Amino acid sequence: MSLNLLIFILLSQSCFYGPKGLTLTQLEQGHKIGFVKNKENIISIDSIKFKEQWEKILPLPDVKLDKIEIRRGFTKGEREEEFYMLMAYDYESKLKTARWLIKKDGSFYFYKSPVDESNLNHPFFRTYFTCYGDSGDCNPHVFIIDNRYYWTSTEKFYCDPNSPCKSSSIFFPDE
């Protein structure tokens, strides 16, 4: 691990990193969230109940999620990869929360841990990442550095402690 990366991790409270050396073929599908129909991403879960569940686990009081969607993004950093995330919005508090999705055979799933969890630990893909604030770029982004996945709340790979955009991560080991 490079010294700059180590310093970044130690100083950062608003970024979350993932597994080293992970390839998407190692991911296993868990709960089905949605599917693609006529080039449109459709949510197949009960979105009202799901938003209520997310509102309970978010680290801020009085969150009222207005919208939930499956959103496509591209990683930044050492390589660009297409990825999908389930994203929810609270417009009043300027909050966005995201969870990585696996796309397989036209359907979207949450990550499910492999059977042998002692050999593989993939917390990044089981994390709900939330960012909120008045910054123009206060959105979930994913960087790949040294083959590790990192959530961050800006398009730059650093977390400015003075930024009006704050973020947090919630890890769920079993879902």
N, C-alpha and C. Protein backbone atom coordinates (compact mmCIF):
# COMPACT_ATOMS: atom_id res chain seq x y z
N MET A 1 0.86 -1.17 0.00
CA MET A 1 0.00 0.00 0.00
C MET A 1 0.90 1.23 0.00
N SER A 2 0.58 2.20 -0.83
CA SER A 2 1.41 3.39 -0.91
C SER A 2 1.21 4.26 0.33
N LEU A 3 2.21 5.07 0.66
CA LEU A 3 2.14 5.94 1.84
C LEU A 3 1.01 6.95 1.70
N ASN A 4 0.83 7.50 0.49
CA ASN A 4 -0.26 8.48 0.29
C ASN A 4 -1.62 7.84 0.54
N LEU A 5 -1.80 6.61 0.09
CA LEU A 5 -3.07 5.93 0.30
C LEU A 5 -3.29 5.66 1.78
N LEU A 6 -2.26 5.24 2.49
CA LEU A 6 -2.37 4.98 3.91
C LEU A 6 -2.73 6.26 4.67
N ILE A 7 -2.08 7.36 4.33
CA ILE A 7 -2.40 8.64 4.97
C ILE A 7 -3.84 9.04 4.68
N PHE A 8 -4.27 8.84 3.44
CA PHE A 8 -5.65 9.17 3.08
C PHE A 8 -6.63 8.38 3.94
N ILE A 9 -6.40 7.09 4.10
CA ILE A 9 -7.31 6.25 4.87
C ILE A 9 -7.33 6.69 6.32
N LEU A 10 -6.18 6.99 6.88
CA LEU A 10 -6.11 7.39 8.28
C LEU A 10 -6.80 8.73 8.53
N LEU A 11 -6.69 9.66 7.60
CA LEU A 11 -7.27 10.99 7.79
C LEU A 11 -8.75 11.05 7.43
N SER A 12 -9.19 10.14 6.61
CA SER A 12 -10.55 10.20 6.10
C SER A 12 -11.55 9.60 7.07
N GLN A 13 -12.66 10.30 7.23
CA GLN A 13 -13.77 9.73 7.98
C GLN A 13 -14.98 9.59 7.10
N SER A 14 -14.87 10.02 5.85
CA SER A 14 -16.06 10.00 5.01
C SER A 14 -15.89 9.19 3.73
N CYS A 15 -14.90 8.35 3.68
CA CYS A 15 -14.73 7.48 2.54
C CYS A 15 -14.66 6.04 3.05
N PHE A 16 -15.06 5.09 2.20
CA PHE A 16 -15.04 3.70 2.63
C PHE A 16 -14.37 2.88 1.55
N TYR A 17 -13.49 1.99 1.96
CA TYR A 17 -12.78 1.20 0.98
C TYR A 17 -13.26 -0.22 0.95
N GLY A 18 -12.95 -0.88 -0.14
CA GLY A 18 -13.42 -2.25 -0.34
C GLY A 18 -12.28 -3.22 -0.48
N PRO A 19 -12.57 -4.38 -1.03
CA PRO A 19 -11.64 -5.48 -1.06
C PRO A 19 -10.52 -5.29 -2.07
N LYS A 20 -9.37 -5.82 -1.76
CA LYS A 20 -8.23 -5.74 -2.65
C LYS A 20 -8.30 -6.87 -3.67
N GLY A 21 -8.03 -6.54 -4.93
CA GLY A 21 -7.90 -7.54 -5.96
C GLY A 21 -9.19 -8.24 -6.34
N LEU A 22 -10.32 -7.62 -6.14
CA LEU A 22 -11.59 -8.26 -6.42
C LEU A 22 -11.93 -8.10 -7.90
N THR A 23 -12.41 -9.15 -8.50
CA THR A 23 -12.93 -9.04 -9.86
C THR A 23 -14.43 -9.28 -9.79
N LEU A 24 -15.15 -8.71 -10.74
CA LEU A 24 -16.60 -8.82 -10.69
C LEU A 24 -17.08 -10.25 -10.85
N THR A 25 -16.25 -11.12 -11.42
CA THR A 25 -16.66 -12.52 -11.55
C THR A 25 -16.68 -13.22 -10.20
N GLN A 26 -16.06 -12.64 -9.17
CA GLN A 26 -16.07 -13.23 -7.84
C GLN A 26 -17.32 -12.87 -7.06
N LEU A 27 -18.12 -11.94 -7.55
CA LEU A 27 -19.31 -11.52 -6.84
C LEU A 27 -20.42 -12.54 -7.05
N GLU A 28 -21.20 -12.75 -6.04
CA GLU A 28 -22.34 -13.64 -6.14
C GLU A 28 -23.61 -12.84 -5.95
N GLN A 29 -24.66 -13.25 -6.62
CA GLN A 29 -25.90 -12.50 -6.52
C GLN A 29 -26.65 -12.84 -5.25
N GLY A 30 -27.28 -11.81 -4.69
CA GLY A 30 -28.10 -11.95 -3.50
C GLY A 30 -29.54 -11.59 -3.84
N HIS A 31 -30.14 -10.70 -3.07
CA HIS A 31 -31.53 -10.29 -3.28
C HIS A 31 -31.69 -9.60 -4.63
N LYS A 32 -32.69 -10.02 -5.39
CA LYS A 32 -32.99 -9.36 -6.66
C LYS A 32 -33.67 -8.03 -6.39
N ILE A 33 -33.15 -6.98 -7.01
CA ILE A 33 -33.64 -5.62 -6.78
C ILE A 33 -34.44 -5.11 -7.97
N GLY A 34 -34.03 -5.50 -9.19
CA GLY A 34 -34.69 -4.99 -10.37
C GLY A 34 -34.22 -5.69 -11.62
N PHE A 35 -34.62 -5.13 -12.76
CA PHE A 35 -34.27 -5.71 -14.06
C PHE A 35 -34.30 -4.63 -15.13
N VAL A 36 -33.79 -4.98 -16.30
CA VAL A 36 -33.79 -4.07 -17.44
C VAL A 36 -34.93 -4.48 -18.37
N LYS A 37 -35.73 -3.49 -18.76
CA LYS A 37 -36.81 -3.72 -19.72
C LYS A 37 -36.82 -2.56 -20.70
N ASN A 38 -36.66 -2.86 -21.98
CA ASN A 38 -36.63 -1.84 -23.03
C ASN A 38 -35.62 -0.74 -22.70
N LYS A 39 -34.42 -1.13 -22.27
CA LYS A 39 -33.31 -0.24 -21.94
C LYS A 39 -33.59 0.65 -20.72
N GLU A 40 -34.61 0.32 -19.95
CA GLU A 40 -34.94 1.07 -18.74
C GLU A 40 -34.72 0.17 -17.52
N ASN A 41 -34.13 0.74 -16.47
CA ASN A 41 -33.91 0.00 -15.23
C ASN A 41 -35.18 0.07 -14.39
N ILE A 42 -35.75 -1.10 -14.11
CA ILE A 42 -37.01 -1.21 -13.38
C ILE A 42 -36.73 -1.80 -11.99
N ILE A 43 -37.26 -1.17 -10.95
CA ILE A 43 -37.13 -1.70 -9.59
C ILE A 43 -38.27 -2.69 -9.37
N SER A 44 -37.92 -3.91 -8.95
CA SER A 44 -38.93 -4.95 -8.76
C SER A 44 -39.29 -5.19 -7.29
N ILE A 45 -38.57 -4.56 -6.37
CA ILE A 45 -38.90 -4.70 -4.95
C ILE A 45 -39.97 -3.68 -4.59
N ASP A 46 -40.58 -3.83 -3.44
CA ASP A 46 -41.54 -2.86 -2.94
C ASP A 46 -40.76 -1.62 -2.51
N SER A 47 -40.76 -0.61 -3.36
CA SER A 47 -39.91 0.56 -3.11
C SER A 47 -40.36 1.36 -1.89
N ILE A 48 -41.64 1.36 -1.57
CA ILE A 48 -42.11 2.09 -0.39
C ILE A 48 -41.56 1.44 0.88
N LYS A 49 -41.68 0.12 0.98
CA LYS A 49 -41.15 -0.59 2.15
C LYS A 49 -39.63 -0.46 2.22
N PHE A 50 -38.99 -0.51 1.06
CA PHE A 50 -37.54 -0.42 1.04
C PHE A 50 -37.07 0.97 1.49
N LYS A 51 -37.74 2.01 1.03
CA LYS A 51 -37.39 3.36 1.49
C LYS A 51 -37.58 3.49 2.99
N GLU A 52 -38.66 2.92 3.51
CA GLU A 52 -38.88 2.95 4.96
C GLU A 52 -37.76 2.25 5.71
N GLN A 53 -37.30 1.12 5.18
CA GLN A 53 -36.19 0.39 5.81
C GLN A 53 -34.93 1.25 5.80
N TRP A 54 -34.63 1.87 4.66
CA TRP A 54 -33.44 2.72 4.57
C TRP A 54 -33.53 3.91 5.52
N GLU A 55 -34.70 4.51 5.63
CA GLU A 55 -34.87 5.66 6.52
C GLU A 55 -34.52 5.30 7.96
N LYS A 56 -34.81 4.07 8.37
CA LYS A 56 -34.51 3.62 9.73
C LYS A 56 -33.02 3.43 9.99
N ILE A 57 -32.27 3.06 8.96
CA ILE A 57 -30.85 2.77 9.18
C ILE A 57 -29.93 3.95 8.89
N LEU A 58 -30.44 4.99 8.26
CA LEU A 58 -29.59 6.13 7.92
C LEU A 58 -29.16 6.87 9.18
N PRO A 59 -27.94 7.43 9.16
CA PRO A 59 -27.38 8.04 10.37
C PRO A 59 -27.90 9.43 10.71
N LEU A 60 -28.89 9.91 10.01
CA LEU A 60 -29.42 11.25 10.27
C LEU A 60 -30.87 11.17 10.71
N PRO A 61 -31.28 12.08 11.59
CA PRO A 61 -32.69 12.08 12.02
C PRO A 61 -33.58 12.69 10.94
N ASP A 62 -34.84 12.34 10.99
CA ASP A 62 -35.88 12.96 10.15
C ASP A 62 -35.63 12.81 8.65
N VAL A 63 -35.03 11.73 8.22
CA VAL A 63 -34.84 11.49 6.80
C VAL A 63 -36.15 10.98 6.21
N LYS A 64 -36.55 11.56 5.10
CA LYS A 64 -37.76 11.12 4.38
C LYS A 64 -37.37 10.97 2.92
N LEU A 65 -37.14 9.74 2.50
CA LEU A 65 -36.68 9.49 1.13
C LEU A 65 -37.80 9.74 0.14
N ASP A 66 -37.48 10.53 -0.88
CA ASP A 66 -38.45 10.92 -1.89
C ASP A 66 -38.45 9.99 -3.10
N LYS A 67 -37.28 9.45 -3.42
CA LYS A 67 -37.14 8.71 -4.68
C LYS A 67 -36.11 7.62 -4.49
N ILE A 68 -36.31 6.52 -5.22
CA ILE A 68 -35.33 5.44 -5.26
C ILE A 68 -35.20 5.01 -6.71
N GLU A 69 -33.96 4.74 -7.13
CA GLU A 69 -33.74 4.36 -8.53
C GLU A 69 -32.49 3.50 -8.67
N ILE A 70 -32.41 2.78 -9.77
CA ILE A 70 -31.20 2.07 -10.14
C ILE A 70 -30.43 3.00 -11.07
N ARG A 71 -29.21 3.29 -10.70
CA ARG A 71 -28.42 4.29 -11.43
C ARG A 71 -27.10 3.69 -11.91
N ARG A 72 -26.72 4.02 -13.12
CA ARG A 72 -25.46 3.56 -13.69
C ARG A 72 -24.37 4.58 -13.42
N GLY A 73 -23.18 4.10 -13.13
CA GLY A 73 -22.03 4.97 -12.92
C GLY A 73 -20.79 4.35 -13.53
N PHE A 74 -19.70 5.08 -13.45
CA PHE A 74 -18.41 4.59 -13.92
C PHE A 74 -17.38 4.87 -12.84
N THR A 75 -16.59 3.86 -12.53
CA THR A 75 -15.56 4.06 -11.52
C THR A 75 -14.52 5.03 -12.06
N LYS A 76 -13.80 5.62 -11.14
CA LYS A 76 -12.71 6.53 -11.45
C LYS A 76 -11.45 5.93 -10.85
N GLY A 77 -10.31 6.53 -11.12
CA GLY A 77 -9.07 6.03 -10.55
C GLY A 77 -8.24 5.30 -11.58
N GLU A 78 -7.71 4.14 -11.21
CA GLU A 78 -6.78 3.45 -12.10
C GLU A 78 -7.46 2.78 -13.29
N ARG A 79 -8.77 2.58 -13.21
CA ARG A 79 -9.48 2.08 -14.39
C ARG A 79 -10.96 2.46 -14.29
N GLU A 80 -11.56 2.55 -15.45
CA GLU A 80 -12.98 2.89 -15.53
C GLU A 80 -13.77 1.62 -15.78
N GLU A 81 -14.72 1.35 -14.89
CA GLU A 81 -15.62 0.21 -15.03
C GLU A 81 -17.05 0.71 -14.88
N GLU A 82 -17.93 0.19 -15.72
CA GLU A 82 -19.35 0.48 -15.55
C GLU A 82 -19.84 -0.26 -14.31
N PHE A 83 -20.69 0.40 -13.52
CA PHE A 83 -21.30 -0.26 -12.38
C PHE A 83 -22.70 0.31 -12.17
N TYR A 84 -23.47 -0.38 -11.33
CA TYR A 84 -24.82 0.06 -11.01
C TYR A 84 -24.97 0.15 -9.50
N MET A 85 -25.82 1.06 -9.07
CA MET A 85 -26.10 1.22 -7.65
C MET A 85 -27.58 1.52 -7.47
N LEU A 86 -28.09 1.06 -6.34
CA LEU A 86 -29.43 1.46 -5.94
C LEU A 86 -29.25 2.75 -5.17
N MET A 87 -29.95 3.80 -5.59
CA MET A 87 -29.77 5.11 -4.99
C MET A 87 -31.10 5.65 -4.51
N ALA A 88 -31.07 6.26 -3.34
CA ALA A 88 -32.27 6.89 -2.77
C ALA A 88 -31.94 8.34 -2.44
N TYR A 89 -32.95 9.20 -2.53
CA TYR A 89 -32.78 10.64 -2.37
C TYR A 89 -33.75 11.20 -1.34
N ASP A 90 -33.27 12.13 -0.53
CA ASP A 90 -34.11 12.99 0.30
C ASP A 90 -33.79 14.41 -0.16
N TYR A 91 -34.68 14.99 -0.95
CA TYR A 91 -34.40 16.29 -1.56
C TYR A 91 -34.28 17.41 -0.53
N GLU A 92 -35.09 17.37 0.51
CA GLU A 92 -35.07 18.44 1.50
C GLU A 92 -33.73 18.51 2.24
N SER A 93 -33.20 17.37 2.64
CA SER A 93 -31.92 17.37 3.36
C SER A 93 -30.72 17.23 2.43
N LYS A 94 -30.98 17.19 1.13
CA LYS A 94 -29.91 17.06 0.12
C LYS A 94 -29.07 15.81 0.38
N LEU A 95 -29.77 14.72 0.68
CA LEU A 95 -29.12 13.46 1.02
C LEU A 95 -29.28 12.47 -0.14
N LYS A 96 -28.21 11.70 -0.37
CA LYS A 96 -28.24 10.60 -1.32
C LYS A 96 -27.57 9.41 -0.66
N THR A 97 -28.18 8.26 -0.77
CA THR A 97 -27.56 7.05 -0.24
C THR A 97 -27.55 5.99 -1.32
N ALA A 98 -26.48 5.18 -1.35
CA ALA A 98 -26.30 4.22 -2.44
C ALA A 98 -25.81 2.88 -1.92
N ARG A 99 -26.10 1.86 -2.68
CA ARG A 99 -25.61 0.51 -2.43
C ARG A 99 -25.27 -0.11 -3.77
N TRP A 100 -24.09 -0.72 -3.88
CA TRP A 100 -23.60 -1.35 -5.10
C TRP A 100 -24.54 -2.48 -5.53
N LEU A 101 -24.79 -2.57 -6.83
CA LEU A 101 -25.60 -3.65 -7.38
C LEU A 101 -24.78 -4.47 -8.37
N ILE A 102 -25.08 -5.72 -8.46
CA ILE A 102 -24.51 -6.60 -9.47
C ILE A 102 -25.53 -6.71 -10.59
N LYS A 103 -25.07 -6.58 -11.83
CA LYS A 103 -25.95 -6.78 -12.97
C LYS A 103 -25.58 -8.11 -13.61
N LYS A 104 -26.57 -9.00 -13.67
CA LYS A 104 -26.33 -10.32 -14.26
C LYS A 104 -27.57 -10.74 -15.05
N ASP A 105 -27.37 -11.06 -16.32
CA ASP A 105 -28.45 -11.53 -17.18
C ASP A 105 -29.65 -10.59 -17.18
N GLY A 106 -29.38 -9.29 -17.21
CA GLY A 106 -30.46 -8.30 -17.30
C GLY A 106 -31.19 -8.03 -15.99
N SER A 107 -30.67 -8.55 -14.88
CA SER A 107 -31.27 -8.30 -13.58
C SER A 107 -30.24 -7.70 -12.62
N PHE A 108 -30.72 -7.01 -11.60
CA PHE A 108 -29.85 -6.36 -10.61
C PHE A 108 -30.04 -7.03 -9.26
N TYR A 109 -28.91 -7.24 -8.57
CA TYR A 109 -28.91 -7.94 -7.28
C TYR A 109 -27.99 -7.21 -6.31
N PHE A 110 -28.29 -7.37 -5.01
CA PHE A 110 -27.31 -7.02 -3.99
C PHE A 110 -26.24 -8.10 -3.97
N TYR A 111 -25.06 -7.73 -3.54
CA TYR A 111 -23.97 -8.67 -3.37
C TYR A 111 -24.30 -9.64 -2.24
N LYS A 112 -23.94 -10.89 -2.44
CA LYS A 112 -24.10 -11.93 -1.41
C LYS A 112 -22.72 -12.53 -1.17
N SER A 113 -22.34 -12.66 0.09
CA SER A 113 -21.03 -13.20 0.42
C SER A 113 -20.89 -14.62 -0.08
N PRO A 114 -19.68 -14.98 -0.50
CA PRO A 114 -19.42 -16.38 -0.87
C PRO A 114 -19.63 -17.29 0.33
N VAL A 115 -19.81 -18.57 0.07
CA VAL A 115 -20.02 -19.54 1.14
C VAL A 115 -18.84 -19.55 2.10
N ASP A 116 -17.62 -19.49 1.59
CA ASP A 116 -16.43 -19.52 2.43
C ASP A 116 -16.01 -18.09 2.75
N GLU A 117 -16.69 -17.48 3.71
CA GLU A 117 -16.41 -16.09 4.05
C GLU A 117 -15.07 -15.90 4.73
N SER A 118 -14.46 -16.97 5.24
CA SER A 118 -13.17 -16.82 5.90
C SER A 118 -12.07 -16.45 4.90
N ASN A 119 -12.25 -16.80 3.64
CA ASN A 119 -11.24 -16.48 2.62
C ASN A 119 -11.52 -15.16 1.92
N LEU A 120 -12.75 -14.75 1.87
CA LEU A 120 -13.11 -13.51 1.16
C LEU A 120 -13.93 -12.61 2.08
N ASN A 121 -13.48 -11.39 2.22
CA ASN A 121 -14.22 -10.42 3.03
C ASN A 121 -14.46 -9.21 2.15
N HIS A 122 -15.69 -8.98 1.80
CA HIS A 122 -16.01 -7.92 0.84
C HIS A 122 -16.96 -6.88 1.43
N PRO A 123 -16.51 -6.12 2.43
CA PRO A 123 -17.42 -5.16 3.07
C PRO A 123 -17.88 -4.04 2.15
N PHE A 124 -17.07 -3.66 1.18
CA PHE A 124 -17.45 -2.57 0.29
C PHE A 124 -18.82 -2.82 -0.34
N PHE A 125 -19.05 -4.04 -0.81
CA PHE A 125 -20.26 -4.35 -1.55
C PHE A 125 -21.47 -4.57 -0.65
N ARG A 126 -21.28 -4.52 0.67
CA ARG A 126 -22.38 -4.68 1.62
C ARG A 126 -22.56 -3.40 2.42
N THR A 127 -22.09 -2.30 1.89
CA THR A 127 -22.14 -1.02 2.58
C THR A 127 -23.15 -0.09 1.93
N TYR A 128 -23.92 0.59 2.78
CA TYR A 128 -24.77 1.69 2.34
C TYR A 128 -23.96 2.96 2.54
N PHE A 129 -23.71 3.67 1.45
CA PHE A 129 -22.91 4.89 1.50
C PHE A 129 -23.85 6.08 1.37
N THR A 130 -23.74 7.04 2.28
CA THR A 130 -24.62 8.20 2.31
C THR A 130 -23.81 9.47 2.27
N CYS A 131 -24.25 10.42 1.45
CA CYS A 131 -23.64 11.75 1.46
C CYS A 131 -24.76 12.79 1.47
N TYR A 132 -24.45 13.93 2.09
CA TYR A 132 -25.46 14.97 2.25
C TYR A 132 -24.76 16.31 2.41
N GLY A 133 -25.40 17.36 1.92
CA GLY A 133 -24.85 18.69 2.06
C GLY A 133 -25.10 19.56 0.85
N ASP A 134 -24.58 20.78 0.93
CA ASP A 134 -24.85 21.80 -0.08
C ASP A 134 -23.85 21.86 -1.21
N SER A 135 -22.88 20.99 -1.24
CA SER A 135 -21.88 21.02 -2.30
C SER A 135 -22.51 20.66 -3.64
N GLY A 136 -22.02 21.28 -4.70
CA GLY A 136 -22.52 20.97 -6.04
C GLY A 136 -22.27 19.52 -6.43
N ASP A 137 -21.14 18.98 -6.02
CA ASP A 137 -20.82 17.58 -6.29
C ASP A 137 -20.86 16.81 -4.98
N CYS A 138 -22.04 16.53 -4.52
CA CYS A 138 -22.21 15.75 -3.29
C CYS A 138 -22.99 14.51 -3.68
N ASN A 139 -22.31 13.58 -4.32
CA ASN A 139 -22.92 12.36 -4.85
C ASN A 139 -22.01 11.18 -4.58
N PRO A 140 -22.58 9.98 -4.47
CA PRO A 140 -21.74 8.79 -4.33
C PRO A 140 -20.92 8.53 -5.59
N HIS A 141 -19.62 8.33 -5.40
CA HIS A 141 -18.70 7.98 -6.48
C HIS A 141 -17.88 6.80 -6.01
N VAL A 142 -17.36 6.04 -6.96
CA VAL A 142 -16.50 4.90 -6.63
C VAL A 142 -15.17 5.07 -7.34
N PHE A 143 -14.09 4.93 -6.57
CA PHE A 143 -12.74 4.96 -7.10
C PHE A 143 -12.12 3.58 -6.96
N ILE A 144 -11.23 3.24 -7.90
CA ILE A 144 -10.42 2.03 -7.78
C ILE A 144 -8.98 2.48 -7.68
N ILE A 145 -8.33 2.17 -6.57
CA ILE A 145 -6.93 2.50 -6.33
C ILE A 145 -6.27 1.24 -5.77
N ASP A 146 -5.15 0.83 -6.37
CA ASP A 146 -4.45 -0.39 -5.94
C ASP A 146 -5.41 -1.58 -5.88
N ASN A 147 -6.27 -1.70 -6.88
CA ASN A 147 -7.26 -2.77 -6.98
C ASN A 147 -8.23 -2.82 -5.80
N ARG A 148 -8.43 -1.72 -5.12
CA ARG A 148 -9.42 -1.61 -4.04
C ARG A 148 -10.51 -0.65 -4.47
N TYR A 149 -11.72 -0.94 -4.06
CA TYR A 149 -12.86 -0.09 -4.35
C TYR A 149 -13.10 0.83 -3.15
N TYR A 150 -13.35 2.11 -3.44
CA TYR A 150 -13.57 3.11 -2.39
C TYR A 150 -14.81 3.94 -2.73
N TRP A 151 -15.70 4.09 -1.76
CA TRP A 151 -16.79 5.06 -1.89
C TRP A 151 -16.23 6.42 -1.50
N THR A 152 -16.65 7.44 -2.20
CA THR A 152 -16.32 8.81 -1.83
C THR A 152 -17.46 9.72 -2.26
N SER A 153 -17.51 10.90 -1.70
CA SER A 153 -18.63 11.80 -1.96
C SER A 153 -18.29 12.93 -2.93
N THR A 154 -17.15 12.84 -3.59
CA THR A 154 -16.80 13.84 -4.60
C THR A 154 -16.16 13.14 -5.79
N GLU A 155 -15.97 13.88 -6.86
CA GLU A 155 -15.32 13.32 -8.04
C GLU A 155 -13.80 13.28 -7.90
N LYS A 156 -13.29 13.71 -6.78
CA LYS A 156 -11.85 13.66 -6.51
C LYS A 156 -11.62 12.61 -5.43
N PHE A 157 -10.45 12.00 -5.48
CA PHE A 157 -10.16 10.93 -4.52
C PHE A 157 -9.54 11.49 -3.25
N TYR A 158 -10.28 12.32 -2.59
CA TYR A 158 -9.91 12.76 -1.25
C TYR A 158 -11.16 13.31 -0.60
N CYS A 159 -11.16 13.32 0.69
CA CYS A 159 -12.30 13.82 1.46
C CYS A 159 -11.85 15.06 2.21
N ASP A 160 -12.31 16.20 1.77
CA ASP A 160 -11.96 17.47 2.40
C ASP A 160 -12.78 17.65 3.68
N PRO A 161 -12.13 17.72 4.84
CA PRO A 161 -12.89 17.87 6.09
C PRO A 161 -13.66 19.18 6.17
N ASN A 162 -13.30 20.16 5.34
CA ASN A 162 -14.01 21.44 5.33
C ASN A 162 -15.12 21.50 4.28
N SER A 163 -15.33 20.42 3.57
CA SER A 163 -16.36 20.40 2.53
C SER A 163 -17.75 20.47 3.15
N PRO A 164 -18.68 21.17 2.49
CA PRO A 164 -20.06 21.18 2.97
C PRO A 164 -20.75 19.83 2.74
N CYS A 165 -20.11 18.96 1.98
CA CYS A 165 -20.65 17.62 1.73
C CYS A 165 -20.04 16.65 2.73
N LYS A 166 -20.88 16.03 3.53
CA LYS A 166 -20.45 15.04 4.52
C LYS A 166 -20.94 13.67 4.09
N SER A 167 -20.30 12.63 4.60
CA SER A 167 -20.73 11.29 4.23
C SER A 167 -20.50 10.30 5.35
N SER A 168 -21.16 9.17 5.22
CA SER A 168 -21.00 8.09 6.19
C SER A 168 -21.28 6.77 5.50
N SER A 169 -20.85 5.70 6.13
CA SER A 169 -21.05 4.35 5.60
C SER A 169 -21.64 3.47 6.69
N ILE A 170 -22.55 2.60 6.27
CA ILE A 170 -23.14 1.64 7.18
C ILE A 170 -22.93 0.26 6.57
N PHE A 171 -22.28 -0.62 7.29
CA PHE A 171 -21.98 -1.96 6.82
C PHE A 171 -23.00 -2.95 7.38
N PHE A 172 -23.53 -3.80 6.50
CA PHE A 172 -24.44 -4.87 6.91
C PHE A 172 -23.82 -6.21 6.56
N PRO A 173 -23.36 -6.97 7.56
CA PRO A 173 -22.69 -8.23 7.28
C PRO A 173 -23.64 -9.29 6.72
N ASP A 174 -24.86 -9.30 7.14
CA ASP A 174 -25.83 -10.29 6.65
C ASP A 174 -27.14 -9.60 6.34
N GLU A 175 -27.65 -9.88 5.16
CA GLU A 175 -28.90 -9.27 4.74
C GLU A 175 -29.75 -10.28 4.03
